């Protein structure tokens, strides 16, 4: 079960990087931030406006 958690967390970070790039933000920064914050970073990205 622990391996699935890491795979899911990494996948979420990649999705967040794509979302960030779609909003003209740094994908790499959001990827790294997502590794730390996970779903919280997703929520922040979703509610933020496009740059």
PDB file of N, CA and C in Angstrom:
ATOM      1  N   UNK A   1       0.817  -1.196   0.000  1.00  0.00           N
ATOM      2  CA  UNK A   1       0.000   0.000   0.000  1.00  0.00           C
ATOM      3  C   UNK A   1       0.860   1.259   0.000  1.00  0.00           C
ATOM      4  N   UNK A   2       2.015   1.210   0.624  1.00  0.00           N
ATOM      5  CA  UNK A   2       2.849   2.395   0.721  1.00  0.00           C
ATOM      6  C   UNK A   2       3.349   2.844  -0.662  1.00  0.00           C
ATOM      7  N   UNK A   3       3.669   1.890  -1.533  1.00  0.00           N
ATOM      8  CA  UNK A   3       4.142   2.251  -2.862  1.00  0.00           C
ATOM      9  C   UNK A   3       3.066   2.957  -3.669  1.00  0.00           C
ATOM     10  N   UNK A   4       1.814   2.519  -3.531  1.00  0.00           N
ATOM     11  CA  UNK A   4       0.727   3.171  -4.254  1.00  0.00           C
ATOM     12  C   UNK A   4       0.563   4.618  -3.811  1.00  0.00           C
ATOM     13  N   UNK A   5       0.797   4.868  -2.544  1.00  0.00           N
ATOM     14  CA  UNK A   5       0.706   6.228  -2.017  1.00  0.00           C
ATOM     15  C   UNK A   5       1.718   7.132  -2.699  1.00  0.00           C
ATOM     16  N   UNK A   6       2.953   6.676  -2.824  1.00  0.00           N
ATOM     17  CA  UNK A   6       3.997   7.476  -3.463  1.00  0.00           C
ATOM     18  C   UNK A   6       3.716   7.691  -4.942  1.00  0.00           C
ATOM     19  N   UNK A   7       3.215   6.677  -5.615  1.00  0.00           N
ATOM     20  CA  UNK A   7       2.883   6.808  -7.036  1.00  0.00           C
ATOM     21  C   UNK A   7       1.757   7.824  -7.215  1.00  0.00           C
ATOM     22  N   UNK A   8       0.745   7.749  -6.391  1.00  0.00           N
ATOM     23  CA  UNK A   8      -0.367   8.694  -6.467  1.00  0.00           C
ATOM     24  C   UNK A   8       0.059  10.118  -6.170  1.00  0.00           C
ATOM     25  N   UNK A   9       0.915  10.271  -5.181  1.00  0.00           N
ATOM     26  CA  UNK A   9       1.397  11.602  -4.800  1.00  0.00           C
ATOM     27  C   UNK A   9       2.231  12.204  -5.933  1.00  0.00           C
ATOM     28  N   UNK A  10       3.076  11.389  -6.542  1.00  0.00           N
ATOM     29  CA  UNK A  10       3.892  11.852  -7.669  1.00  0.00           C
ATOM     30  C   UNK A  10       3.053  12.196  -8.880  1.00  0.00           C
ATOM     31  N   UNK A  11       2.025  11.392  -9.132  1.00  0.00           N
ATOM     32  CA  UNK A  11       1.119  11.677 -10.246  1.00  0.00           C
ATOM     33  C   UNK A  11       0.385  12.988 -10.018  1.00  0.00           C
ATOM     34  N   UNK A  12      -0.058  13.221  -8.809  1.00  0.00           N
ATOM     35  CA  UNK A  12      -0.733  14.477  -8.479  1.00  0.00           C
ATOM     36  C   UNK A  12       0.206  15.659  -8.693  1.00  0.00           C
ATOM     37  N   UNK A  13       1.469  15.507  -8.334  1.00  0.00           N
ATOM     38  CA  UNK A  13       2.444  16.586  -8.540  1.00  0.00           C
ATOM     39  C   UNK A  13       2.621  16.880 -10.027  1.00  0.00           C
ATOM     40  N   UNK A  14       2.642  15.846 -10.861  1.00  0.00           N
ATOM     41  CA  UNK A  14       2.753  16.052 -12.311  1.00  0.00           C
ATOM     42  C   UNK A  14       1.510  16.742 -12.870  1.00  0.00           C
ATOM     43  N   UNK A  15       0.348  16.346 -12.394  1.00  0.00           N
ATOM     44  CA  UNK A  15      -0.895  16.987 -12.837  1.00  0.00           C
ATOM     45  C   UNK A  15      -0.891  18.460 -12.436  1.00  0.00           C
ATOM     46  N   UNK A  16      -0.444  18.748 -11.234  1.00  0.00           N
ATOM     47  CA  UNK A  16      -0.387  20.133 -10.769  1.00  0.00           C
ATOM     48  C   UNK A  16       0.587  20.961 -11.606  1.00  0.00           C
ATOM     49  N   UNK A  17       1.697  20.365 -12.017  1.00  0.00           N
ATOM     50  CA  UNK A  17       2.653  21.079 -12.877  1.00  0.00           C
ATOM     51  C   UNK A  17       1.986  21.447 -14.198  1.00  0.00           C
ATOM     52  N   UNK A  18       1.207  20.532 -14.756  1.00  0.00           N
ATOM     53  CA  UNK A  18       0.477  20.825 -15.983  1.00  0.00           C
ATOM     54  C   UNK A  18      -0.568  21.912 -15.793  1.00  0.00           C
ATOM     55  N   UNK A  19      -1.290  21.853 -14.676  1.00  0.00           N
ATOM     56  CA  UNK A  19      -2.269  22.901 -14.369  1.00  0.00           C
ATOM     57  C   UNK A  19      -1.589  24.262 -14.237  1.00  0.00           C
ATOM     58  N   UNK A  20      -0.456  24.278 -13.579  1.00  0.00           N
ATOM     59  CA  UNK A  20       0.269  25.535 -13.376  1.00  0.00           C
ATOM     60  C   UNK A  20       0.723  26.114 -14.708  1.00  0.00           C
ATOM     61  N   UNK A  21       1.245  25.287 -15.581  1.00  0.00           N
ATOM     62  CA  UNK A  21       1.682  25.780 -16.888  1.00  0.00           C
ATOM     63  C   UNK A  21       0.506  26.309 -17.698  1.00  0.00           C
ATOM     64  N   UNK A  22      -0.645  25.699 -17.542  1.00  0.00           N
ATOM     65  CA  UNK A  22      -1.840  26.184 -18.217  1.00  0.00           C
ATOM     66  C   UNK A  22      -2.285  27.549 -17.718  1.00  0.00           C
ATOM     67  N   UNK A  23      -1.861  27.897 -16.521  1.00  0.00           N
ATOM     68  CA  UNK A  23      -2.191  29.201 -15.946  1.00  0.00           C
ATOM     69  C   UNK A  23      -0.998  30.152 -15.991  1.00  0.00           C
ATOM     70  N   UNK A  24      -0.042  29.853 -16.870  1.00  0.00           N
ATOM     71  CA  UNK A  24       1.157  30.684 -17.066  1.00  0.00           C
ATOM     72  C   UNK A  24       1.977  30.856 -15.792  1.00  0.00           C
ATOM     73  N   UNK A  25       2.120  29.768 -15.058  1.00  0.00           N
ATOM     74  CA  UNK A  25       2.951  29.757 -13.854  1.00  0.00           C
ATOM     75  C   UNK A  25       4.057  28.733 -14.041  1.00  0.00           C
ATOM     76  N   UNK A  26       5.033  28.760 -13.192  1.00  0.00           N
ATOM     77  CA  UNK A  26       6.168  27.847 -13.306  1.00  0.00           C
ATOM     78  C   UNK A  26       5.756  26.420 -12.941  1.00  0.00           C
ATOM     79  N   UNK A  27       5.818  25.537 -13.923  1.00  0.00           N
ATOM     80  CA  UNK A  27       5.459  24.151 -13.685  1.00  0.00           C
ATOM     81  C   UNK A  27       6.394  23.463 -12.707  1.00  0.00           C
ATOM     82  N   UNK A  28       7.692  23.760 -12.813  1.00  0.00           N
ATOM     83  CA  UNK A  28       8.683  23.129 -11.932  1.00  0.00           C
ATOM     84  C   UNK A  28       8.485  23.551 -10.483  1.00  0.00           C
ATOM     85  N   UNK A  29       8.249  24.828 -10.263  1.00  0.00           N
ATOM     86  CA  UNK A  29       8.023  25.297  -8.890  1.00  0.00           C
ATOM     87  C   UNK A  29       6.778  24.654  -8.285  1.00  0.00           C
ATOM     88  N   UNK A  30       5.710  24.559  -9.074  1.00  0.00           N
ATOM     89  CA  UNK A  30       4.483  23.968  -8.572  1.00  0.00           C
ATOM     90  C   UNK A  30       4.617  22.469  -8.405  1.00  0.00           C
ATOM     91  N   UNK A  31       5.434  21.825  -9.234  1.00  0.00           N
ATOM     92  CA  UNK A  31       5.699  20.402  -9.056  1.00  0.00           C
ATOM     93  C   UNK A  31       6.357  20.164  -7.705  1.00  0.00           C
ATOM     94  N   UNK A  32       7.388  20.943  -7.409  1.00  0.00           N
ATOM     95  CA  UNK A  32       8.102  20.789  -6.138  1.00  0.00           C
ATOM     96  C   UNK A  32       7.205  21.139  -4.952  1.00  0.00           C
ATOM     97  N   UNK A  33       6.417  22.192  -5.107  1.00  0.00           N
ATOM     98  CA  UNK A  33       5.492  22.576  -4.047  1.00  0.00           C
ATOM     99  C   UNK A  33       4.449  21.486  -3.818  1.00  0.00           C
ATOM    100  N   UNK A  34       4.018  20.861  -4.897  1.00  0.00           N
ATOM    101  CA  UNK A  34       3.024  19.792  -4.802  1.00  0.00           C
ATOM    102  C   UNK A  34       3.577  18.558  -4.114  1.00  0.00           C
ATOM    103  N   UNK A  35       4.859  18.312  -4.260  1.00  0.00           N
ATOM    104  CA  UNK A  35       5.460  17.188  -3.548  1.00  0.00           C
ATOM    105  C   UNK A  35       5.375  17.398  -2.039  1.00  0.00           C
ATOM    106  N   UNK A  36       5.402  18.656  -1.625  1.00  0.00           N
ATOM    107  CA  UNK A  36       5.313  18.964  -0.195  1.00  0.00           C
ATOM    108  C   UNK A  36       3.861  19.077   0.292  1.00  0.00           C
ATOM    109  N   UNK A  37       3.020  19.733  -0.501  1.00  0.00           N
ATOM    110  CA  UNK A  37       1.666  20.049  -0.035  1.00  0.00           C
ATOM    111  C   UNK A  37       0.580  19.137  -0.587  1.00  0.00           C
ATOM    112  N   UNK A  38       0.842  18.497  -1.708  1.00  0.00           N
ATOM    113  CA  UNK A  38      -0.118  17.565  -2.304  1.00  0.00           C
ATOM    114  C   UNK A  38      -1.445  18.204  -2.661  1.00  0.00           C
ATOM    115  N   UNK A  39      -2.543  17.685  -2.131  1.00  0.00           N
ATOM    116  CA  UNK A  39      -3.873  18.180  -2.493  1.00  0.00           C
ATOM    117  C   UNK A  39      -4.112  19.655  -2.153  1.00  0.00           C
ATOM    118  N   UNK A  40      -3.414  20.160  -1.176  1.00  0.00           N
ATOM    119  CA  UNK A  40      -3.557  21.582  -0.831  1.00  0.00           C
ATOM    120  C   UNK A  40      -3.059  22.440  -1.988  1.00  0.00           C
ATOM    121  N   UNK A  41      -1.954  22.048  -2.620  1.00  0.00           N
ATOM    122  CA  UNK A  41      -1.432  22.778  -3.774  1.00  0.00           C
ATOM    123  C   UNK A  41      -2.421  22.711  -4.934  1.00  0.00           C
ATOM    124  N   UNK A  42      -3.077  21.576  -5.113  1.00  0.00           N
ATOM    125  CA  UNK A  42      -4.079  21.446  -6.166  1.00  0.00           C
ATOM    126  C   UNK A  42      -5.213  22.435  -5.929  1.00  0.00           C
ATOM    127  N   UNK A  43      -5.680  22.522  -4.707  1.00  0.00           N
ATOM    128  CA  UNK A  43      -6.755  23.443  -4.370  1.00  0.00           C
ATOM    129  C   UNK A  43      -6.337  24.893  -4.649  1.00  0.00           C
ATOM    130  N   UNK A  44      -5.126  25.249  -4.265  1.00  0.00           N
ATOM    131  CA  UNK A  44      -4.634  26.614  -4.495  1.00  0.00           C
ATOM    132  C   UNK A  44      -4.581  26.916  -5.993  1.00  0.00           C
ATOM    133  N   UNK A  45      -4.100  25.941  -6.770  1.00  0.00           N
ATOM    134  CA  UNK A  45      -4.033  26.131  -8.220  1.00  0.00           C
ATOM    135  C   UNK A  45      -5.419  26.289  -8.839  1.00  0.00           C
ATOM    136  N   UNK A  46      -6.348  25.504  -8.383  1.00  0.00           N
ATOM    137  CA  UNK A  46      -7.696  25.543  -8.963  1.00  0.00           C
ATOM    138  C   UNK A  46      -8.381  26.875  -8.689  1.00  0.00           C
ATOM    139  N   UNK A  47      -8.201  27.430  -7.510  1.00  0.00           N
ATOM    140  CA  UNK A  47      -8.887  28.683  -7.186  1.00  0.00           C
ATOM    141  C   UNK A  47      -8.118  29.918  -7.664  1.00  0.00           C
ATOM    142  N   UNK A  48      -6.851  29.762  -8.013  1.00  0.00           N
ATOM    143  CA  UNK A  48      -6.084  30.920  -8.473  1.00  0.00           C
ATOM    144  C   UNK A  48      -6.461  31.294  -9.893  1.00  0.00           C
ATOM    145  N   UNK A  49      -6.306  32.561 -10.199  1.00  0.00           N
ATOM    146  CA  UNK A  49      -6.627  33.054 -11.534  1.00  0.00           C
ATOM    147  C   UNK A  49      -5.413  32.947 -12.441  1.00  0.00           C
ATOM    148  N   UNK A  50      -5.678  32.989 -13.746  1.00  0.00           N
ATOM    149  CA  UNK A  50      -4.614  32.910 -14.730  1.00  0.00           C
ATOM    150  C   UNK A  50      -3.782  34.186 -14.678  1.00  0.00           C
ATOM    151  N   UNK A  51      -2.461  34.030 -14.794  1.00  0.00           N
ATOM    152  CA  UNK A  51      -1.559  35.176 -14.783  1.00  0.00           C
ATOM    153  C   UNK A  51      -1.632  35.914 -16.074  1.00  0.00           C
TER     154      UNK A  51
END
